[in-house]
Amino acid sequence: MFPRFLKPTSACSHCGTAWDRHQADDFPAYVVIILLGHILVPIMAETIGSGLPMVALMILWPSVALVLAAALIQPAKGGVIAFQWSRRMDGFAG
């Protein structure tokens, strides 16, 4: 579905469905932010009292957040586009 990192193909090679008519906008980023908050905040709260130096935590958690955000943004965008397609929303109404 994605020939480049976040740009969907213009049409499905199998069925011809046009994927470039979606209106995903910023919603995938909001989904990733919510997921990262629910995943990382409890883990971060547990590691604060673990005795690790604060400098290590200040390097560790932004790095983990960046890697997870990059890993989750494409599936989140694909999920939003698939949801819009299944509900015939926005550009898929026709």
PDB file of N, CA and C in Angstrom:
ATOM      1  N   MET A   1       0.812  -1.198   0.000  1.00  0.00           N
ATOM      2  CA  MET A   1       0.000   0.000   0.000  1.00  0.00           C
ATOM      3  C   MET A   1       0.856   1.263   0.000  1.00  0.00           C
ATOM      4  N   PHE A   2       2.059   1.178   0.540  1.00  0.00           N
ATOM      5  CA  PHE A   2       2.931   2.349   0.623  1.00  0.00           C
ATOM      6  C   PHE A   2       4.222   2.118  -0.163  1.00  0.00           C
ATOM      7  N   PRO A   3       4.370   2.721  -1.340  1.00  0.00           N
ATOM      8  CA  PRO A   3       5.638   2.584  -2.060  1.00  0.00           C
ATOM      9  C   PRO A   3       6.749   3.413  -1.408  1.00  0.00           C
ATOM     10  N   ARG A   4       6.363   4.519  -0.762  1.00  0.00           N
ATOM     11  CA  ARG A   4       7.296   5.314   0.031  1.00  0.00           C
ATOM     12  C   ARG A   4       6.790   5.301   1.465  1.00  0.00           C
ATOM     13  N   PHE A   5       7.518   5.925   2.374  1.00  0.00           N
ATOM     14  CA  PHE A   5       7.237   5.764   3.797  1.00  0.00           C
ATOM     15  C   PHE A   5       5.786   6.062   4.168  1.00  0.00           C
ATOM     16  N   LEU A   6       5.249   7.217   3.793  1.00  0.00           N
ATOM     17  CA  LEU A   6       3.865   7.553   4.142  1.00  0.00           C
ATOM     18  C   LEU A   6       3.002   7.916   2.951  1.00  0.00           C
ATOM     19  N   LYS A   7       3.484   7.728   1.748  1.00  0.00           N
ATOM     20  CA  LYS A   7       2.693   8.050   0.553  1.00  0.00           C
ATOM     21  C   LYS A   7       2.063   6.776   0.010  1.00  0.00           C
ATOM     22  N   PRO A   8       0.728   6.710   0.060  1.00  0.00           N
ATOM     23  CA  PRO A   8       0.070   5.509  -0.470  1.00  0.00           C
ATOM     24  C   PRO A   8       0.124   5.477  -1.999  1.00  0.00           C
ATOM     25  N   THR A   9      -0.007   4.284  -2.538  1.00  0.00           N
ATOM     26  CA  THR A   9      -0.036   4.141  -3.991  1.00  0.00           C
ATOM     27  C   THR A   9      -1.278   4.838  -4.544  1.00  0.00           C
ATOM     28  N   SER A  10      -1.224   5.206  -5.787  1.00  0.00           N
ATOM     29  CA  SER A  10      -2.378   5.887  -6.374  1.00  0.00           C
ATOM     30  C   SER A  10      -3.537   4.925  -6.596  1.00  0.00           C
ATOM     31  N   ALA A  11      -3.240   3.661  -6.900  1.00  0.00           N
ATOM     32  CA  ALA A  11      -4.301   2.668  -7.115  1.00  0.00           C
ATOM     33  C   ALA A  11      -3.765   1.274  -6.792  1.00  0.00           C
ATOM     34  N   CYS A  12      -4.657   0.408  -6.378  1.00  0.00           N
ATOM     35  CA  CYS A  12      -4.307  -0.982  -6.074  1.00  0.00           C
ATOM     36  C   CYS A  12      -3.955  -1.703  -7.375  1.00  0.00           C
ATOM     37  N   SER A  13      -2.858  -2.435  -7.354  1.00  0.00           N
ATOM     38  CA  SER A  13      -2.445  -3.140  -8.565  1.00  0.00           C
ATOM     39  C   SER A  13      -3.333  -4.355  -8.850  1.00  0.00           C
ATOM     40  N   HIS A  14      -4.055  -4.826  -7.857  1.00  0.00           N
ATOM     41  CA  HIS A  14      -4.899  -6.008  -8.033  1.00  0.00           C
ATOM     42  C   HIS A  14      -6.330  -5.645  -8.455  1.00  0.00           C
ATOM     43  N   CYS A  15      -6.960  -4.726  -7.698  1.00  0.00           N
ATOM     44  CA  CYS A  15      -8.374  -4.431  -7.962  1.00  0.00           C
ATOM     45  C   CYS A  15      -8.620  -3.054  -8.571  1.00  0.00           C
ATOM     46  N   GLY A  16      -7.601  -2.173  -8.557  1.00  0.00           N
ATOM     47  CA  GLY A  16      -7.758  -0.855  -9.159  1.00  0.00           C
ATOM     48  C   GLY A  16      -8.361   0.201  -8.258  1.00  0.00           C
ATOM     49  N   THR A  17      -8.585  -0.103  -6.967  1.00  0.00           N
ATOM     50  CA  THR A  17      -9.131   0.890  -6.042  1.00  0.00           C
ATOM     51  C   THR A  17      -8.165   2.051  -5.904  1.00  0.00           C
ATOM     52  N   ALA A  18      -8.679   3.269  -6.041  1.00  0.00           N
ATOM     53  CA  ALA A  18      -7.837   4.464  -5.928  1.00  0.00           C
ATOM     54  C   ALA A  18      -7.606   4.778  -4.453  1.00  0.00           C
ATOM     55  N   TRP A  19      -6.349   4.751  -4.020  1.00  0.00           N
ATOM     56  CA  TRP A  19      -6.011   5.018  -2.619  1.00  0.00           C
ATOM     57  C   TRP A  19      -5.584   6.453  -2.393  1.00  0.00           C
ATOM     58  N   ASP A  20      -5.435   7.234  -3.444  1.00  0.00           N
ATOM     59  CA  ASP A  20      -4.960   8.598  -3.265  1.00  0.00           C
ATOM     60  C   ASP A  20      -6.080   9.592  -2.955  1.00  0.00           C
ATOM     61  N   ARG A  21      -7.293   9.101  -2.789  1.00  0.00           N
ATOM     62  CA  ARG A  21      -8.421   9.992  -2.482  1.00  0.00           C
ATOM     63  C   ARG A  21      -8.704  10.095  -0.984  1.00  0.00           C
ATOM     64  N   HIS A  22      -7.875   9.490  -0.153  1.00  0.00           N
ATOM     65  CA  HIS A  22      -8.137   9.468   1.289  1.00  0.00           C
ATOM     66  C   HIS A  22      -7.981  10.845   1.917  1.00  0.00           C
ATOM     67  N   GLN A  23      -8.539  11.008   3.094  1.00  0.00           N
ATOM     68  CA  GLN A  23      -8.437  12.243   3.862  1.00  0.00           C
ATOM     69  C   GLN A  23      -7.923  11.916   5.267  1.00  0.00           C
ATOM     70  N   ALA A  24      -6.799  11.239   5.371  1.00  0.00           N
ATOM     71  CA  ALA A  24      -6.276  10.829   6.670  1.00  0.00           C
ATOM     72  C   ALA A  24      -5.769  12.028   7.471  1.00  0.00           C
ATOM     73  N   ASP A  25      -5.195  13.006   6.836  1.00  0.00           N
ATOM     74  CA  ASP A  25      -4.689  14.226   7.455  1.00  0.00           C
ATOM     75  C   ASP A  25      -3.805  13.915   8.664  1.00  0.00           C
ATOM     76  N   ASP A  26      -4.112  14.504   9.829  1.00  0.00           N
ATOM     77  CA  ASP A  26      -3.278  14.355  11.016  1.00  0.00           C
ATOM     78  C   ASP A  26      -3.738  13.238  11.947  1.00  0.00           C
ATOM     79  N   PHE A  27      -4.831  12.578  11.636  1.00  0.00           N
ATOM     80  CA  PHE A  27      -5.372  11.583  12.557  1.00  0.00           C
ATOM     81  C   PHE A  27      -4.397  10.444  12.870  1.00  0.00           C
ATOM     82  N   PRO A  28      -3.631   9.912  11.898  1.00  0.00           N
ATOM     83  CA  PRO A  28      -2.661   8.867  12.245  1.00  0.00           C
ATOM     84  C   PRO A  28      -1.631   9.329  13.283  1.00  0.00           C
ATOM     85  N   ALA A  29      -1.198  10.574  13.187  1.00  0.00           N
ATOM     86  CA  ALA A  29      -0.251  11.095  14.178  1.00  0.00           C
ATOM     87  C   ALA A  29      -0.889  11.160  15.564  1.00  0.00           C
ATOM     88  N   TYR A  30      -2.163  11.546  15.634  1.00  0.00           N
ATOM     89  CA  TYR A  30      -2.849  11.574  16.926  1.00  0.00           C
ATOM     90  C   TYR A  30      -2.986  10.170  17.499  1.00  0.00           C
ATOM     91  N   VAL A  31      -3.248   9.196  16.659  1.00  0.00           N
ATOM     92  CA  VAL A  31      -3.353   7.803  17.109  1.00  0.00           C
ATOM     93  C   VAL A  31      -2.017   7.343  17.679  1.00  0.00           C
ATOM     94  N   VAL A  32      -0.930   7.676  16.998  1.00  0.00           N
ATOM     95  CA  VAL A  32       0.396   7.282  17.475  1.00  0.00           C
ATOM     96  C   VAL A  32       0.719   7.959  18.806  1.00  0.00           C
ATOM     97  N   ILE A  33       0.376   9.228  18.952  1.00  0.00           N
ATOM     98  CA  ILE A  33       0.628   9.941  20.208  1.00  0.00           C
ATOM     99  C   ILE A  33      -0.128   9.290  21.357  1.00  0.00           C
ATOM    100  N   ILE A  34      -1.393   8.949  21.133  1.00  0.00           N
ATOM    101  CA  ILE A  34      -2.186   8.291  22.178  1.00  0.00           C
ATOM    102  C   ILE A  34      -1.592   6.934  22.528  1.00  0.00           C
ATOM    103  N   LEU A  35      -1.227   6.140  21.523  1.00  0.00           N
ATOM    104  CA  LEU A  35      -0.631   4.830  21.781  1.00  0.00           C
ATOM    105  C   LEU A  35       0.692   4.944  22.533  1.00  0.00           C
ATOM    106  N   LEU A  36       1.548   5.856  22.105  1.00  0.00           N
ATOM    107  CA  LEU A  36       2.834   6.013  22.782  1.00  0.00           C
ATOM    108  C   LEU A  36       2.652   6.457  24.226  1.00  0.00           C
ATOM    109  N   GLY A  37       1.699   7.323  24.462  1.00  0.00           N
ATOM    110  CA  GLY A  37       1.441   7.755  25.827  1.00  0.00           C
ATOM    111  C   GLY A  37       1.006   6.604  26.713  1.00  0.00           C
ATOM    112  N   HIS A  38       0.129   5.768  26.186  1.00  0.00           N
ATOM    113  CA  HIS A  38      -0.358   4.638  26.972  1.00  0.00           C
ATOM    114  C   HIS A  38       0.685   3.535  27.129  1.00  0.00           C
ATOM    115  N   ILE A  39       1.606   3.441  26.202  1.00  0.00           N
ATOM    116  CA  ILE A  39       2.657   2.430  26.302  1.00  0.00           C
ATOM    117  C   ILE A  39       3.820   2.928  27.172  1.00  0.00           C
ATOM    118  N   LEU A  40       4.291   4.132  26.912  1.00  0.00           N
ATOM    119  CA  LEU A  40       5.524   4.595  27.532  1.00  0.00           C
ATOM    120  C   LEU A  40       5.364   5.183  28.928  1.00  0.00           C
ATOM    121  N   VAL A  41       4.297   5.890  29.197  1.00  0.00           N
ATOM    122  CA  VAL A  41       4.175   6.564  30.490  1.00  0.00           C
ATOM    123  C   VAL A  41       4.205   5.587  31.664  1.00  0.00           C
ATOM    124  N   PRO A  42       3.465   4.478  31.641  1.00  0.00           N
ATOM    125  CA  PRO A  42       3.577   3.555  32.772  1.00  0.00           C
ATOM    126  C   PRO A  42       4.971   2.946  32.923  1.00  0.00           C
ATOM    127  N   ILE A  43       5.620   2.636  31.805  1.00  0.00           N
ATOM    128  CA  ILE A  43       6.969   2.066  31.870  1.00  0.00           C
ATOM    129  C   ILE A  43       7.950   3.111  32.392  1.00  0.00           C
ATOM    130  N   MET A  44       7.814   4.346  31.924  1.00  0.00           N
ATOM    131  CA  MET A  44       8.685   5.411  32.404  1.00  0.00           C
ATOM    132  C   MET A  44       8.486   5.645  33.895  1.00  0.00           C
ATOM    133  N   ALA A  45       7.258   5.614  34.358  1.00  0.00           N
ATOM    134  CA  ALA A  45       6.985   5.816  35.779  1.00  0.00           C
ATOM    135  C   ALA A  45       7.631   4.726  36.631  1.00  0.00           C
ATOM    136  N   GLU A  46       7.670   3.515  36.117  1.00  0.00           N
ATOM    137  CA  GLU A  46       8.308   2.420  36.856  1.00  0.00           C
ATOM    138  C   GLU A  46       9.826   2.550  36.884  1.00  0.00           C
ATOM    139  N   THR A  47      10.424   3.064  35.821  1.00  0.00           N
ATOM    140  CA  THR A  47      11.885   3.139  35.766  1.00  0.00           C
ATOM    141  C   THR A  47      12.452   4.362  36.464  1.00  0.00           C
ATOM    142  N   ILE A  48      11.632   5.345  36.788  1.00  0.00           N
ATOM    143  CA  ILE A  48      12.133   6.541  37.476  1.00  0.00           C
ATOM    144  C   ILE A  48      12.756   6.151  38.813  1.00  0.00           C
ATOM    145  N   GLY A  49      12.134   5.259  39.552  1.00  0.00           N
ATOM    146  CA  GLY A  49      12.656   4.847  40.851  1.00  0.00           C
ATOM    147  C   GLY A  49      13.593   3.662  40.797  1.00  0.00           C
ATOM    148  N   SER A  50      14.077   3.315  39.627  1.00  0.00           N
ATOM    149  CA  SER A  50      14.903   2.120  39.484  1.00  0.00           C
ATOM    150  C   SER A  50      16.365   2.339  39.843  1.00  0.00           C
ATOM    151  N   GLY A  51      16.768   3.555  40.030  1.00  0.00           N
ATOM    152  CA  GLY A  51      18.155   3.824  40.370  1.00  0.00           C
ATOM    153  C   GLY A  51      19.027   4.162  39.181  1.00  0.00           C
ATOM    154  N   LEU A  52      18.465   4.139  37.976  1.00  0.00           N
ATOM    155  CA  LEU A  52      19.241   4.545  36.798  1.00  0.00           C
ATOM    156  C   LEU A  52      19.523   6.043  36.874  1.00  0.00           C
ATOM    157  N   PRO A  53      20.698   6.456  36.419  1.00  0.00           N
ATOM    158  CA  PRO A  53      20.980   7.899  36.425  1.00  0.00           C
ATOM    159  C   PRO A  53      19.986   8.652  35.534  1.00  0.00           C
ATOM    160  N   MET A  54      19.657   9.858  35.945  1.00  0.00           N
ATOM    161  CA  MET A  54      18.684  10.665  35.210  1.00  0.00           C
ATOM    162  C   MET A  54      19.160  10.954  33.793  1.00  0.00           C
ATOM    163  N   VAL A  55      20.462  11.112  33.597  1.00  0.00           N
ATOM    164  CA  VAL A  55      20.994  11.364  32.252  1.00  0.00           C
ATOM    165  C   VAL A  55      20.693  10.173  31.337  1.00  0.00           C
ATOM    166  N   ALA A  56      20.834   8.968  31.857  1.00  0.00           N
ATOM    167  CA  ALA A  56      20.541   7.781  31.055  1.00  0.00           C
ATOM    168  C   ALA A  56      19.060   7.737  30.684  1.00  0.00           C
ATOM    169  N   LEU A  57      18.201   8.090  31.621  1.00  0.00           N
ATOM    170  CA  LEU A  57      16.767   8.109  31.336  1.00  0.00           C
ATOM    171  C   LEU A  57      16.416   9.196  30.320  1.00  0.00           C
ATOM    172  N   MET A  58      17.117  10.328  30.409  1.00  0.00           N
ATOM    173  CA  MET A  58      16.858  11.432  29.478  1.00  0.00           C
ATOM    174  C   MET A  58      17.313  11.094  28.063  1.00  0.00           C
ATOM    175  N   ILE A  59      18.231  10.167  27.927  1.00  0.00           N
ATOM    176  CA  ILE A  59      18.660   9.710  26.605  1.00  0.00           C
ATOM    177  C   ILE A  59      17.796   8.544  26.144  1.00  0.00           C
ATOM    178  N   LEU A  60      17.470   7.652  27.072  1.00  0.00           N
ATOM    179  CA  LEU A  60      16.735   6.435  26.738  1.00  0.00           C
ATOM    180  C   LEU A  60      15.320   6.708  26.242  1.00  0.00           C
ATOM    181  N   TRP A  61      14.523   7.441  27.003  1.00  0.00           N
ATOM    182  CA  TRP A  61      13.095   7.549  26.686  1.00  0.00           C
ATOM    183  C   TRP A  61      12.778   8.349  25.432  1.00  0.00           C
ATOM    184  N   PRO A  62      13.445   9.456  25.157  1.00  0.00           N
ATOM    185  CA  PRO A  62      13.180  10.103  23.856  1.00  0.00           C
ATOM    186  C   PRO A  62      13.588   9.225  22.672  1.00  0.00           C
ATOM    187  N   SER A  63      14.683   8.472  22.846  1.00  0.00           N
ATOM    188  CA  SER A  63      15.115   7.577  21.760  1.00  0.00           C
ATOM    189  C   SER A  63      14.095   6.476  21.525  1.00  0.00           C
ATOM    190  N   VAL A  64      13.594   5.870  22.612  1.00  0.00           N
ATOM    191  CA  VAL A  64      12.583   4.826  22.485  1.00  0.00           C
ATOM    192  C   VAL A  64      11.305   5.397  21.860  1.00  0.00           C
ATOM    193  N   ALA A  65      10.909   6.594  22.299  1.00  0.00           N
ATOM    194  CA  ALA A  65       9.702   7.223  21.759  1.00  0.00           C
ATOM    195  C   ALA A  65       9.844   7.504  20.265  1.00  0.00           C
ATOM    196  N   LEU A  66      11.009   7.955  19.844  1.00  0.00           N
ATOM    197  CA  LEU A  66      11.241   8.251  18.432  1.00  0.00           C
ATOM    198  C   LEU A  66      11.177   6.985  17.584  1.00  0.00           C
ATOM    199  N   VAL A  67      11.814   5.919  18.049  1.00  0.00           N
ATOM    200  CA  VAL A  67      11.807   4.663  17.303  1.00  0.00           C
ATOM    201  C   VAL A  67      10.392   4.090  17.223  1.00  0.00           C
ATOM    202  N   LEU A  68       9.675   4.094  18.349  1.00  0.00           N
ATOM    203  CA  LEU A  68       8.302   3.572  18.340  1.00  0.00           C
ATOM    204  C   LEU A  68       7.376   4.421  17.474  1.00  0.00           C
ATOM    205  N   ALA A  69       7.537   5.743  17.503  1.00  0.00           N
ATOM    206  CA  ALA A  69       6.696   6.612  16.669  1.00  0.00           C
ATOM    207  C   ALA A  69       6.940   6.328  15.189  1.00  0.00           C
ATOM    208  N   ALA A  70       8.201   6.162  14.816  1.00  0.00           N
ATOM    209  CA  ALA A  70       8.516   5.862  13.417  1.00  0.00           C
ATOM    210  C   ALA A  70       7.981   4.490  13.008  1.00  0.00           C
ATOM    211  N   ALA A  71       7.974   3.550  13.952  1.00  0.00           N
ATOM    212  CA  ALA A  71       7.480   2.206  13.637  1.00  0.00           C
ATOM    213  C   ALA A  71       5.957   2.148  13.571  1.00  0.00           C
ATOM    214  N   LEU A  72       5.270   3.019  14.302  1.00  0.00           N
ATOM    215  CA  LEU A  72       3.806   2.953  14.381  1.00  0.00           C
ATOM    216  C   LEU A  72       3.071   3.856  13.397  1.00  0.00           C
ATOM    217  N   ILE A  73       3.733   4.871  12.834  1.00  0.00           N
ATOM    218  CA  ILE A  73       3.014   5.845  12.013  1.00  0.00           C
ATOM    219  C   ILE A  73       2.479   5.233  10.724  1.00  0.00           C
ATOM    220  N   GLN A  74       3.241   4.371  10.071  1.00  0.00           N
ATOM    221  CA  GLN A  74       2.767   3.780   8.824  1.00  0.00           C
ATOM    222  C   GLN A  74       1.586   2.832   9.044  1.00  0.00           C
ATOM    223  N   PRO A  75       1.630   1.910  10.031  1.00  0.00           N
ATOM    224  CA  PRO A  75       0.441   1.080  10.276  1.00  0.00           C
ATOM    225  C   PRO A  75      -0.770   1.897  10.711  1.00  0.00           C
ATOM    226  N   ALA A  76      -0.531   2.975  11.459  1.00  0.00           N
ATOM    227  CA  ALA A  76      -1.658   3.819  11.873  1.00  0.00           C
ATOM    228  C   ALA A  76      -2.295   4.505  10.665  1.00  0.00           C
ATOM    229  N   LYS A  77      -1.479   5.001   9.748  1.00  0.00           N
ATOM    230  CA  LYS A  77      -2.024   5.643   8.548  1.00  0.00           C
ATOM    231  C   LYS A  77      -2.751   4.624   7.687  1.00  0.00           C
ATOM    232  N   GLY A  78      -2.185   3.438   7.530  1.00  0.00           N
ATOM    233  CA  GLY A  78      -2.868   2.381   6.785  1.00  0.00           C
ATOM    234  C   GLY A  78      -4.191   2.011   7.418  1.00  0.00           C
ATOM    235  N   GLY A  79      -4.226   1.959   8.746  1.00  0.00           N
ATOM    236  CA  GLY A  79      -5.471   1.653   9.448  1.00  0.00           C
ATOM    237  C   GLY A  79      -6.526   2.728   9.268  1.00  0.00           C
ATOM    238  N   VAL A  80      -6.116   3.979   9.303  1.00  0.00           N
ATOM    239  CA  VAL A  80      -7.061   5.087   9.098  1.00  0.00           C
ATOM    240  C   VAL A  80      -7.605   5.058   7.670  1.00  0.00           C
ATOM    241  N   ILE A  81      -6.739   4.834   6.696  1.00  0.00           N
ATOM    242  CA  ILE A  81      -7.194   4.758   5.300  1.00  0.00           C
ATOM    243  C   ILE A  81      -8.127   3.566   5.117  1.00  0.00           C
ATOM    244  N   ALA A  82      -7.791   2.426   5.711  1.00  0.00           N
ATOM    245  CA  ALA A  82      -8.649   1.243   5.598  1.00  0.00           C
ATOM    246  C   ALA A  82     -10.001   1.476   6.264  1.00  0.00           C
ATOM    247  N   PHE A  83     -10.007   2.167   7.406  1.00  0.00           N
ATOM    248  CA  PHE A  83     -11.277   2.476   8.072  1.00  0.00           C
ATOM    249  C   PHE A  83     -12.133   3.387   7.199  1.00  0.00           C
ATOM    250  N   GLN A  84     -11.518   4.409   6.617  1.00  0.00           N
ATOM    251  CA  GLN A  84     -12.265   5.301   5.733  1.00  0.00           C
ATOM    252  C   GLN A  84     -12.813   4.546   4.528  1.00  0.00           C
ATOM    253  N   TRP A  85     -12.013   3.665   3.951  1.00  0.00           N
ATOM    254  CA  TRP A  85     -12.470   2.884   2.802  1.00  0.00           C
ATOM    255  C   TRP A  85     -13.627   1.974   3.193  1.00  0.00           C
ATOM    256  N   SER A  86     -13.534   1.313   4.354  1.00  0.00           N
ATOM    257  CA  SER A  86     -14.588   0.357   4.742  1.00  0.00           C
ATOM    258  C   SER A  86     -15.906   1.047   5.054  1.00  0.00           C
ATOM    259  N   ARG A  87     -15.846   2.303   5.457  1.00  0.00           N
ATOM    260  CA  ARG A  87     -17.060   3.075   5.781  1.00  0.00           C
ATOM    261  C   ARG A  87     -17.490   3.983   4.647  1.00  0.00           C
ATOM    262  N   ARG A  88     -16.762   3.913   3.503  1.00  0.00           N
ATOM    263  CA  ARG A  88     -17.037   4.766   2.339  1.00  0.00           C
ATOM    264  C   ARG A  88     -17.052   6.240   2.723  1.00  0.00           C
ATOM    265  N   MET A  89     -16.069   6.624   3.513  1.00  0.00           N
ATOM    266  CA  MET A  89     -15.956   8.024   3.982  1.00  0.00           C
ATOM    267  C   MET A  89     -15.119   8.838   2.999  1.00  0.00           C
ATOM    268  N   ASP A  90     -15.238  10.146   3.105  1.00  0.00           N
ATOM    269  CA  ASP A  90     -14.435  11.117   2.383  1.00  0.00           C
ATOM    270  C   ASP A  90     -14.340  10.810   0.892  1.00  0.00           C
ATOM    271  N   GLY A  91     -13.152  10.567   0.365  1.00  0.00           N
ATOM    272  CA  GLY A  91     -12.971  10.376  -1.069  1.00  0.00           C
ATOM    273  C   GLY A  91     -13.407   9.029  -1.572  1.00  0.00           C
ATOM    274  N   PHE A  92     -13.776   8.093  -0.704  1.00  0.00           N
ATOM    275  CA  PHE A  92     -14.176   6.748  -1.121  1.00  0.00           C
ATOM    276  C   PHE A  92     -15.685   6.584  -1.285  1.00  0.00           C
ATOM    277  N   ALA A  93     -16.424   7.674  -1.205  1.00  0.00           N
ATOM    278  CA  ALA A  93     -17.885   7.598  -1.252  1.00  0.00           C
ATOM    279  C   ALA A  93     -18.410   7.189  -2.618  1.00  0.00           C
ATOM    280  N   GLY A  94     -17.669   7.450  -3.655  1.00  0.00           N
ATOM    281  CA  GLY A  94     -18.157   7.220  -5.001  1.00  0.00           C
ATOM    282  C   GLY A  94     -18.036   5.845  -5.413  1.00  0.00           C
TER     283      GLY A  94
END
